[in-house]
Amino acid sequence: MRIHGLPLRWTSEIEAWEPPYRFSDRQIRGPYRSWLHEHTFHEVEGGTLVGDRVDFELPGGRLLAGPIGRLAGRVVATDVRRIFDFRRERMGELFG
């Protein structure tokens, strides 16, 4: 995968598996200090509502404390939102 053009290796592991309701994956190697992503699926009239919750921590500890850390957090949060915006648009194209 690439983030801002930089190649990164990212490995995650499925941590919870409860089909057809949810599953979650946790980063075991990658760019974050921690990353937990929960995917949920709810039956609604006419289809399925797909939900996501992501909890993450940036690496850097004290280095990212203060204003630099807040700025980095905003940049990463924006990147994460873009990833899910893209996925939502693509799912709309595929599934209507």
PDB file of N, CA and C in Angstrom:
ATOM      1  N   MET A   1       0.835  -1.172   0.000  1.00  0.00           N
ATOM      2  CA  MET A   1       0.000   0.000   0.000  1.00  0.00           C
ATOM      3  C   MET A   1       0.875   1.229   0.000  1.00  0.00           C
ATOM      4  N   ARG A   2       0.301   2.335  -0.422  1.00  0.00           N
ATOM      5  CA  ARG A   2       1.023   3.608  -0.439  1.00  0.00           C
ATOM      6  C   ARG A   2       0.217   4.666   0.305  1.00  0.00           C
ATOM      7  N   ILE A   3       0.905   5.460   1.094  1.00  0.00           N
ATOM      8  CA  ILE A   3       0.301   6.610   1.748  1.00  0.00           C
ATOM      9  C   ILE A   3       1.118   7.824   1.344  1.00  0.00           C
ATOM     10  N   HIS A   4       0.452   8.771   0.708  1.00  0.00           N
ATOM     11  CA  HIS A   4       1.117   9.966   0.176  1.00  0.00           C
ATOM     12  C   HIS A   4       2.315   9.584  -0.687  1.00  0.00           C
ATOM     13  N   GLY A   5       2.155   8.504  -1.451  1.00  0.00           N
ATOM     14  CA  GLY A   5       3.196   8.066  -2.372  1.00  0.00           C
ATOM     15  C   GLY A   5       4.283   7.210  -1.752  1.00  0.00           C
ATOM     16  N   LEU A   6       4.278   7.063  -0.446  1.00  0.00           N
ATOM     17  CA  LEU A   6       5.306   6.268   0.229  1.00  0.00           C
ATOM     18  C   LEU A   6       4.844   4.819   0.368  1.00  0.00           C
ATOM     19  N   PRO A   7       5.668   3.873  -0.075  1.00  0.00           N
ATOM     20  CA  PRO A   7       5.270   2.468   0.070  1.00  0.00           C
ATOM     21  C   PRO A   7       5.355   2.027   1.533  1.00  0.00           C
ATOM     22  N   LEU A   8       4.312   1.346   1.999  1.00  0.00           N
ATOM     23  CA  LEU A   8       4.273   0.849   3.371  1.00  0.00           C
ATOM     24  C   LEU A   8       3.805  -0.595   3.380  1.00  0.00           C
ATOM     25  N   ARG A   9       4.348  -1.353   4.289  1.00  0.00           N
ATOM     26  CA  ARG A   9       3.862  -2.718   4.505  1.00  0.00           C
ATOM     27  C   ARG A   9       2.870  -2.676   5.654  1.00  0.00           C
ATOM     28  N   TRP A  10       1.762  -3.361   5.454  1.00  0.00           N
ATOM     29  CA  TRP A  10       0.730  -3.360   6.477  1.00  0.00           C
ATOM     30  C   TRP A  10       0.162  -4.762   6.564  1.00  0.00           C
ATOM     31  N   THR A  11       0.193  -5.328   7.761  1.00  0.00           N
ATOM     32  CA  THR A  11      -0.374  -6.649   7.999  1.00  0.00           C
ATOM     33  C   THR A  11      -1.398  -6.523   9.112  1.00  0.00           C
ATOM     34  N   SER A  12      -2.569  -7.074   8.865  1.00  0.00           N
ATOM     35  CA  SER A  12      -3.582  -7.077   9.909  1.00  0.00           C
ATOM     36  C   SER A  12      -4.060  -8.500  10.126  1.00  0.00           C
ATOM     37  N   GLU A  13      -4.683  -8.694  11.267  1.00  0.00           N
ATOM     38  CA  GLU A  13      -5.172 -10.015  11.638  1.00  0.00           C
ATOM     39  C   GLU A  13      -6.640  -9.877  12.049  1.00  0.00           C
ATOM     40  N   ILE A  14      -7.469 -10.786  11.542  1.00  0.00           N
ATOM     41  CA  ILE A  14      -8.867 -10.793  11.955  1.00  0.00           C
ATOM     42  C   ILE A  14      -8.911 -11.193  13.424  1.00  0.00           C
ATOM     43  N   GLU A  15      -9.510 -10.341  14.229  1.00  0.00           N
ATOM     44  CA  GLU A  15      -9.525 -10.552  15.672  1.00  0.00           C
ATOM     45  C   GLU A  15     -10.870 -11.101  16.147  1.00  0.00           C
ATOM     46  N   ALA A  16     -11.935 -10.640  15.528  1.00  0.00           N
ATOM     47  CA  ALA A  16     -13.276 -11.115  15.865  1.00  0.00           C
ATOM     48  C   ALA A  16     -13.973 -11.460  14.558  1.00  0.00           C
ATOM     49  N   TRP A  17     -14.746 -12.547  14.574  1.00  0.00           N
ATOM     50  CA  TRP A  17     -15.431 -13.016  13.374  1.00  0.00           C
ATOM     51  C   TRP A  17     -16.814 -13.491  13.794  1.00  0.00           C
ATOM     52  N   GLU A  18     -17.821 -12.688  13.504  1.00  0.00           N
ATOM     53  CA  GLU A  18     -19.192 -12.998  13.903  1.00  0.00           C
ATOM     54  C   GLU A  18     -20.143 -12.778  12.721  1.00  0.00           C
ATOM     55  N   PRO A  19     -19.989 -13.578  11.652  1.00  0.00           N
ATOM     56  CA  PRO A  19     -20.867 -13.397  10.499  1.00  0.00           C
ATOM     57  C   PRO A  19     -22.310 -13.729  10.868  1.00  0.00           C
ATOM     58  N   PRO A  20     -23.253 -13.040  10.347  1.00  0.00           N
ATOM     59  CA  PRO A  20     -23.165 -11.976   9.330  1.00  0.00           C
ATOM     60  C   PRO A  20     -23.189 -10.578   9.929  1.00  0.00           C
ATOM     61  N   TYR A  21     -22.834 -10.441  11.209  1.00  0.00           N
ATOM     62  CA  TYR A  21     -23.023  -9.173  11.907  1.00  0.00           C
ATOM     63  C   TYR A  21     -21.789  -8.271  11.955  1.00  0.00           C
ATOM     64  N   ARG A  22     -20.632  -8.865  12.167  1.00  0.00           N
ATOM     65  CA  ARG A  22     -19.453  -8.021  12.338  1.00  0.00           C
ATOM     66  C   ARG A  22     -18.177  -8.838  12.228  1.00  0.00           C
ATOM     67  N   PHE A  23     -17.095  -8.109  11.971  1.00  0.00           N
ATOM     68  CA  PHE A  23     -15.759  -8.658  12.176  1.00  0.00           C
ATOM     69  C   PHE A  23     -14.832  -7.484  12.454  1.00  0.00           C
ATOM     70  N   SER A  24     -13.709  -7.776  13.061  1.00  0.00           N
ATOM     71  CA  SER A  24     -12.746  -6.710  13.324  1.00  0.00           C
ATOM     72  C   SER A  24     -11.349  -7.211  13.007  1.00  0.00           C
ATOM     73  N   ASP A  25     -10.524  -6.256  12.620  1.00  0.00           N
ATOM     74  CA  ASP A  25      -9.125  -6.577  12.345  1.00  0.00           C
ATOM     75  C   ASP A  25      -8.232  -5.594  13.080  1.00  0.00           C
ATOM     76  N   ARG A  26      -7.075  -6.109  13.487  1.00  0.00           N
ATOM     77  CA  ARG A  26      -6.091  -5.326  14.234  1.00  0.00           C
ATOM     78  C   ARG A  26      -4.775  -5.354  13.470  1.00  0.00           C
ATOM     79  N   GLN A  27      -4.153  -4.195  13.360  1.00  0.00           N
ATOM     80  CA  GLN A  27      -2.837  -4.125  12.727  1.00  0.00           C
ATOM     81  C   GLN A  27      -1.832  -4.874  13.590  1.00  0.00           C
ATOM     82  N   ILE A  28      -1.063  -5.754  12.958  1.00  0.00           N
ATOM     83  CA  ILE A  28       0.033  -6.398  13.682  1.00  0.00           C
ATOM     84  C   ILE A  28       1.382  -5.909  13.166  1.00  0.00           C
ATOM     85  N   ARG A  29       1.374  -5.285  11.979  1.00  0.00           N
ATOM     86  CA  ARG A  29       2.568  -4.630  11.447  1.00  0.00           C
ATOM     87  C   ARG A  29       2.091  -3.533  10.513  1.00  0.00           C
ATOM     88  N   GLY A  30       2.593  -2.328  10.702  1.00  0.00           N
ATOM     89  CA  GLY A  30       2.163  -1.253   9.827  1.00  0.00           C
ATOM     90  C   GLY A  30       2.555   0.114  10.346  1.00  0.00           C
ATOM     91  N   PRO A  31       1.937   1.140   9.777  1.00  0.00           N
ATOM     92  CA  PRO A  31       2.372   2.508  10.046  1.00  0.00           C
ATOM     93  C   PRO A  31       1.880   3.109  11.363  1.00  0.00           C
ATOM     94  N   TYR A  32       0.966   2.452  12.046  1.00  0.00           N
ATOM     95  CA  TYR A  32       0.385   3.019  13.259  1.00  0.00           C
ATOM     96  C   TYR A  32       0.942   2.346  14.506  1.00  0.00           C
ATOM     97  N   ARG A  33       0.894   3.064  15.628  1.00  0.00           N
ATOM     98  CA  ARG A  33       1.238   2.436  16.901  1.00  0.00           C
ATOM     99  C   ARG A  33       0.193   1.361  17.197  1.00  0.00           C
ATOM    100  N   SER A  34      -1.085   1.701  16.922  1.00  0.00           N
ATOM    101  CA  SER A  34      -2.149   0.706  17.026  1.00  0.00           C
ATOM    102  C   SER A  34      -3.249   1.080  16.035  1.00  0.00           C
ATOM    103  N   TRP A  35      -3.975   0.064  15.590  1.00  0.00           N
ATOM    104  CA  TRP A  35      -5.073   0.244  14.635  1.00  0.00           C
ATOM    105  C   TRP A  35      -6.052  -0.898  14.845  1.00  0.00           C
ATOM    106  N   LEU A  36      -7.288  -0.567  15.163  1.00  0.00           N
ATOM    107  CA  LEU A  36      -8.348  -1.551  15.302  1.00  0.00           C
ATOM    108  C   LEU A  36      -9.513  -1.077  14.453  1.00  0.00           C
ATOM    109  N   HIS A  37      -9.988  -1.936  13.562  1.00  0.00           N
ATOM    110  CA  HIS A  37     -11.056  -1.587  12.627  1.00  0.00           C
ATOM    111  C   HIS A  37     -12.185  -2.591  12.788  1.00  0.00           C
ATOM    112  N   GLU A  38     -13.350  -2.096  13.190  1.00  0.00           N
ATOM    113  CA  GLU A  38     -14.522  -2.954  13.326  1.00  0.00           C
ATOM    114  C   GLU A  38     -15.471  -2.677  12.159  1.00  0.00           C
ATOM    115  N   HIS A  39     -15.868  -3.738  11.489  1.00  0.00           N
ATOM    116  CA  HIS A  39     -16.801  -3.688  10.366  1.00  0.00           C
ATOM    117  C   HIS A  39     -18.130  -4.251  10.879  1.00  0.00           C
ATOM    118  N   THR A  40     -19.230  -3.532  10.662  1.00  0.00           N
ATOM    119  CA  THR A  40     -20.537  -4.033  11.099  1.00  0.00           C
ATOM    120  C   THR A  40     -21.497  -4.058   9.918  1.00  0.00           C
ATOM    121  N   PHE A  41     -22.478  -4.963  10.011  1.00  0.00           N
ATOM    122  CA  PHE A  41     -23.449  -5.152   8.953  1.00  0.00           C
ATOM    123  C   PHE A  41     -24.825  -5.296   9.600  1.00  0.00           C
ATOM    124  N   HIS A  42     -25.741  -4.416   9.221  1.00  0.00           N
ATOM    125  CA  HIS A  42     -27.086  -4.418   9.785  1.00  0.00           C
ATOM    126  C   HIS A  42     -28.095  -4.521   8.653  1.00  0.00           C
ATOM    127  N   GLU A  43     -29.012  -5.463   8.800  1.00  0.00           N
ATOM    128  CA  GLU A  43     -30.071  -5.602   7.815  1.00  0.00           C
ATOM    129  C   GLU A  43     -31.034  -4.427   7.959  1.00  0.00           C
ATOM    130  N   VAL A  44     -31.305  -3.768   6.853  1.00  0.00           N
ATOM    131  CA  VAL A  44     -32.272  -2.679   6.814  1.00  0.00           C
ATOM    132  C   VAL A  44     -33.205  -2.937   5.642  1.00  0.00           C
ATOM    133  N   GLU A  45     -34.321  -2.255   5.633  1.00  0.00           N
ATOM    134  CA  GLU A  45     -35.261  -2.443   4.539  1.00  0.00           C
ATOM    135  C   GLU A  45     -34.568  -2.146   3.208  1.00  0.00           C
ATOM    136  N   GLY A  46     -34.565  -3.119   2.333  1.00  0.00           N
ATOM    137  CA  GLY A  46     -33.974  -2.936   1.010  1.00  0.00           C
ATOM    138  C   GLY A  46     -32.489  -3.217   0.919  1.00  0.00           C
ATOM    139  N   GLY A  47     -31.851  -3.678   1.995  1.00  0.00           N
ATOM    140  CA  GLY A  47     -30.420  -3.953   1.865  1.00  0.00           C
ATOM    141  C   GLY A  47     -29.698  -4.121   3.180  1.00  0.00           C
ATOM    142  N   THR A  48     -28.438  -3.763   3.158  1.00  0.00           N
ATOM    143  CA  THR A  48     -27.559  -3.904   4.312  1.00  0.00           C
ATOM    144  C   THR A  48     -26.862  -2.581   4.575  1.00  0.00           C
ATOM    145  N   LEU A  49     -26.863  -2.152   5.820  1.00  0.00           N
ATOM    146  CA  LEU A  49     -26.129  -0.964   6.232  1.00  0.00           C
ATOM    147  C   LEU A  49     -24.757  -1.423   6.716  1.00  0.00           C
ATOM    148  N   VAL A  50     -23.714  -0.907   6.079  1.00  0.00           N
ATOM    149  CA  VAL A  50     -22.338  -1.262   6.422  1.00  0.00           C
ATOM    150  C   VAL A  50     -21.775  -0.148   7.286  1.00  0.00           C
ATOM    151  N   GLY A  51     -21.200  -0.518   8.417  1.00  0.00           N
ATOM    152  CA  GLY A  51     -20.614   0.471   9.312  1.00  0.00           C
ATOM    153  C   GLY A  51     -19.158   0.167   9.596  1.00  0.00           C
ATOM    154  N   ASP A  52     -18.419   1.190   9.975  1.00  0.00           N
ATOM    155  CA  ASP A  52     -17.005   1.059  10.309  1.00  0.00           C
ATOM    156  C   ASP A  52     -16.698   1.888  11.530  1.00  0.00           C
ATOM    157  N   ARG A  53     -15.844   1.355  12.358  1.00  0.00           N
ATOM    158  CA  ARG A  53     -15.289   2.121  13.467  1.00  0.00           C
ATOM    159  C   ARG A  53     -13.795   1.839  13.469  1.00  0.00           C
ATOM    160  N   VAL A  54     -13.019   2.899  13.477  1.00  0.00           N
ATOM    161  CA  VAL A  54     -11.564   2.760  13.481  1.00  0.00           C
ATOM    162  C   VAL A  54     -11.019   3.504  14.690  1.00  0.00           C
ATOM    163  N   ASP A  55     -10.238   2.808  15.484  1.00  0.00           N
ATOM    164  CA  ASP A  55      -9.493   3.417  16.583  1.00  0.00           C
ATOM    165  C   ASP A  55      -8.018   3.254  16.256  1.00  0.00           C
ATOM    166  N   PHE A  56      -7.279   4.363  16.279  1.00  0.00           N
ATOM    167  CA  PHE A  56      -5.861   4.267  15.960  1.00  0.00           C
ATOM    168  C   PHE A  56      -5.052   5.221  16.820  1.00  0.00           C
ATOM    169  N   GLU A  57      -3.784   4.880  16.967  1.00  0.00           N
ATOM    170  CA  GLU A  57      -2.812   5.747  17.620  1.00  0.00           C
ATOM    171  C   GLU A  57      -1.649   5.904  16.674  1.00  0.00           C
ATOM    172  N   LEU A  58      -1.122   7.111  16.602  1.00  0.00           N
ATOM    173  CA  LEU A  58       0.045   7.367  15.768  1.00  0.00           C
ATOM    174  C   LEU A  58       1.312   6.942  16.496  1.00  0.00           C
ATOM    175  N   PRO A  59       2.338   6.588  15.745  1.00  0.00           N
ATOM    176  CA  PRO A  59       3.628   6.318  16.381  1.00  0.00           C
ATOM    177  C   PRO A  59       4.254   7.644  16.815  1.00  0.00           C
ATOM    178  N   GLY A  60       5.298   7.580  17.573  1.00  0.00           N
ATOM    179  CA  GLY A  60       6.035   8.803  17.884  1.00  0.00           C
ATOM    180  C   GLY A  60       6.033   9.203  19.335  1.00  0.00           C
ATOM    181  N   GLY A  61       5.036   8.753  20.092  1.00  0.00           N
ATOM    182  CA  GLY A  61       5.013   9.054  21.520  1.00  0.00           C
ATOM    183  C   GLY A  61       5.221  10.529  21.822  1.00  0.00           C
ATOM    184  N   ARG A  62       6.218  10.846  22.622  1.00  0.00           N
ATOM    185  CA  ARG A  62       6.489  12.225  23.051  1.00  0.00           C
ATOM    186  C   ARG A  62       6.838  13.137  21.880  1.00  0.00           C
ATOM    187  N   LEU A  63       7.418  12.547  20.840  1.00  0.00           N
ATOM    188  CA  LEU A  63       7.785  13.332  19.664  1.00  0.00           C
ATOM    189  C   LEU A  63       6.556  14.012  19.064  1.00  0.00           C
ATOM    190  N   LEU A  64       5.412  13.333  19.135  1.00  0.00           N
ATOM    191  CA  LEU A  64       4.195  13.886  18.540  1.00  0.00           C
ATOM    192  C   LEU A  64       3.278  14.545  19.568  1.00  0.00           C
ATOM    193  N   ALA A  65       3.818  14.867  20.724  1.00  0.00           N
ATOM    194  CA  ALA A  65       3.020  15.573  21.728  1.00  0.00           C
ATOM    195  C   ALA A  65       2.891  17.034  21.317  1.00  0.00           C
ATOM    196  N   GLY A  66       1.824  17.650  21.718  1.00  0.00           N
ATOM    197  CA  GLY A  66       1.643  19.072  21.461  1.00  0.00           C
ATOM    198  C   GLY A  66       1.129  19.370  20.069  1.00  0.00           C
ATOM    199  N   PRO A  67       1.433  20.573  19.563  1.00  0.00           N
ATOM    200  CA  PRO A  67       0.874  21.032  18.292  1.00  0.00           C
ATOM    201  C   PRO A  67       1.227  20.142  17.101  1.00  0.00           C
ATOM    202  N   ILE A  68       2.444  19.623  17.076  1.00  0.00           N
ATOM    203  CA  ILE A  68       2.845  18.754  15.960  1.00  0.00           C
ATOM    204  C   ILE A  68       1.991  17.487  15.943  1.00  0.00           C
ATOM    205  N   GLY A  69       1.759  16.919  17.100  1.00  0.00           N
ATOM    206  CA  GLY A  69       0.934  15.721  17.196  1.00  0.00           C
ATOM    207  C   GLY A  69      -0.509  15.976  16.801  1.00  0.00           C
ATOM    208  N   ARG A  70      -1.043  17.114  17.215  1.00  0.00           N
ATOM    209  CA  ARG A  70      -2.424  17.455  16.844  1.00  0.00           C
ATOM    210  C   ARG A  70      -2.548  17.634  15.335  1.00  0.00           C
ATOM    211  N   LEU A  71      -1.564  18.284  14.727  1.00  0.00           N
ATOM    212  CA  LEU A  71      -1.576  18.457  13.279  1.00  0.00           C
ATOM    213  C   LEU A  71      -1.465  17.106  12.579  1.00  0.00           C
ATOM    214  N   ALA A  72      -0.543  16.264  13.027  1.00  0.00           N
ATOM    215  CA  ALA A  72      -0.390  14.932  12.428  1.00  0.00           C
ATOM    216  C   ALA A  72      -1.680  14.129  12.575  1.00  0.00           C
ATOM    217  N   GLY A  73      -2.326  14.222  13.740  1.00  0.00           N
ATOM    218  CA  GLY A  73      -3.582  13.520  13.964  1.00  0.00           C
ATOM    219  C   GLY A  73      -4.668  13.979  13.007  1.00  0.00           C
ATOM    220  N   ARG A  74      -4.737  15.281  12.744  1.00  0.00           N
ATOM    221  CA  ARG A  74      -5.738  15.801  11.798  1.00  0.00           C
ATOM    222  C   ARG A  74      -5.460  15.319  10.380  1.00  0.00           C
ATOM    223  N   VAL A  75      -4.190  15.302   9.985  1.00  0.00           N
ATOM    224  CA  VAL A  75      -3.824  14.836   8.639  1.00  0.00           C
ATOM    225  C   VAL A  75      -4.213  13.373   8.483  1.00  0.00           C
ATOM    226  N   VAL A  76      -3.874  12.554   9.471  1.00  0.00           N
ATOM    227  CA  VAL A  76      -4.187  11.126   9.393  1.00  0.00           C
ATOM    228  C   VAL A  76      -5.698  10.906   9.415  1.00  0.00           C
ATOM    229  N   ALA A  77      -6.418  11.619  10.274  1.00  0.00           N
ATOM    230  CA  ALA A  77      -7.876  11.467  10.326  1.00  0.00           C
ATOM    231  C   ALA A  77      -8.497  11.828   8.982  1.00  0.00           C
ATOM    232  N   THR A  78      -7.991  12.848   8.325  1.00  0.00           N
ATOM    233  CA  THR A  78      -8.476  13.221   6.997  1.00  0.00           C
ATOM    234  C   THR A  78      -8.190  12.112   5.988  1.00  0.00           C
ATOM    235  N   ASP A  79      -6.994  11.544   6.048  1.00  0.00           N
ATOM    236  CA  ASP A  79      -6.649  10.426   5.150  1.00  0.00           C
ATOM    237  C   ASP A  79      -7.584   9.239   5.366  1.00  0.00           C
ATOM    238  N   VAL A  80      -7.850   8.912   6.616  1.00  0.00           N
ATOM    239  CA  VAL A  80      -8.729   7.778   6.934  1.00  0.00           C
ATOM    240  C   VAL A  80     -10.143   8.052   6.414  1.00  0.00           C
ATOM    241  N   ARG A  81     -10.629   9.265   6.612  1.00  0.00           N
ATOM    242  CA  ARG A  81     -11.959   9.620   6.080  1.00  0.00           C
ATOM    243  C   ARG A  81     -12.002   9.466   4.565  1.00  0.00           C
ATOM    244  N   ARG A  82     -10.944   9.873   3.887  1.00  0.00           N
ATOM    245  CA  ARG A  82     -10.898   9.742   2.423  1.00  0.00           C
ATOM    246  C   ARG A  82     -10.962   8.283   1.992  1.00  0.00           C
ATOM    247  N   ILE A  83     -10.269   7.421   2.718  1.00  0.00           N
ATOM    248  CA  ILE A  83     -10.305   5.987   2.403  1.00  0.00           C
ATOM    249  C   ILE A  83     -11.737   5.481   2.477  1.00  0.00           C
ATOM    250  N   PHE A  84     -12.456   5.827   3.531  1.00  0.00           N
ATOM    251  CA  PHE A  84     -13.817   5.333   3.698  1.00  0.00           C
ATOM    252  C   PHE A  84     -14.803   6.042   2.776  1.00  0.00           C
ATOM    253  N   ASP A  85     -14.545   7.312   2.456  1.00  0.00           N
ATOM    254  CA  ASP A  85     -15.377   7.990   1.460  1.00  0.00           C
ATOM    255  C   ASP A  85     -15.267   7.284   0.111  1.00  0.00           C
ATOM    256  N   PHE A  86     -14.029   6.936  -0.265  1.00  0.00           N
ATOM    257  CA  PHE A  86     -13.819   6.219  -1.519  1.00  0.00           C
ATOM    258  C   PHE A  86     -14.551   4.887  -1.494  1.00  0.00           C
ATOM    259  N   ARG A  87     -14.420   4.160  -0.409  1.00  0.00           N
ATOM    260  CA  ARG A  87     -15.079   2.856  -0.313  1.00  0.00           C
ATOM    261  C   ARG A  87     -16.596   2.993  -0.380  1.00  0.00           C
ATOM    262  N   ARG A  88     -17.149   3.999   0.300  1.00  0.00           N
ATOM    263  CA  ARG A  88     -18.596   4.215   0.260  1.00  0.00           C
ATOM    264  C   ARG A  88     -19.050   4.512  -1.173  1.00  0.00           C
ATOM    265  N   GLU A  89     -18.317   5.364  -1.874  1.00  0.00           N
ATOM    266  CA  GLU A  89     -18.664   5.678  -3.260  1.00  0.00           C
ATOM    267  C   GLU A  89     -18.579   4.434  -4.139  1.00  0.00           C
ATOM    268  N   ARG A  90     -17.528   3.663  -3.950  1.00  0.00           N
ATOM    269  CA  ARG A  90     -17.351   2.455  -4.768  1.00  0.00           C
ATOM    270  C   ARG A  90     -18.436   1.431  -4.477  1.00  0.00           C
ATOM    271  N   MET A  91     -18.794   1.261  -3.226  1.00  0.00           N
ATOM    272  CA  MET A  91     -19.867   0.324  -2.885  1.00  0.00           C
ATOM    273  C   MET A  91     -21.191   0.788  -3.484  1.00  0.00           C
ATOM    274  N   GLY A  92     -21.406   2.102  -3.504  1.00  0.00           N
ATOM    275  CA  GLY A  92     -22.615   2.627  -4.137  1.00  0.00           C
ATOM    276  C   GLY A  92     -22.653   2.313  -5.619  1.00  0.00           C
ATOM    277  N   GLU A  93     -21.493   2.424  -6.273  1.00  0.00           N
ATOM    278  CA  GLU A  93     -21.413   2.085  -7.697  1.00  0.00           C
ATOM    279  C   GLU A  93     -21.695   0.595  -7.934  1.00  0.00           C
ATOM    280  N   LEU A  94     -21.150  -0.226  -7.075  1.00  0.00           N
ATOM    281  CA  LEU A  94     -21.274  -1.680  -7.253  1.00  0.00           C
ATOM    282  C   LEU A  94     -22.635  -2.213  -6.849  1.00  0.00           C
ATOM    283  N   PHE A  95     -23.197  -1.674  -5.762  1.00  0.00           N
ATOM    284  CA  PHE A  95     -24.407  -2.256  -5.203  1.00  0.00           C
ATOM    285  C   PHE A  95     -25.639  -1.355  -5.267  1.00  0.00           C
ATOM    286  N   GLY A  96     -25.448  -0.108  -5.684  1.00  0.00           N
ATOM    287  CA  GLY A  96     -26.589   0.787  -5.860  1.00  0.00           C
ATOM    288  C   GLY A  96     -27.065   1.468  -4.649  1.00  0.00           C
TER     289      GLY A  96
END
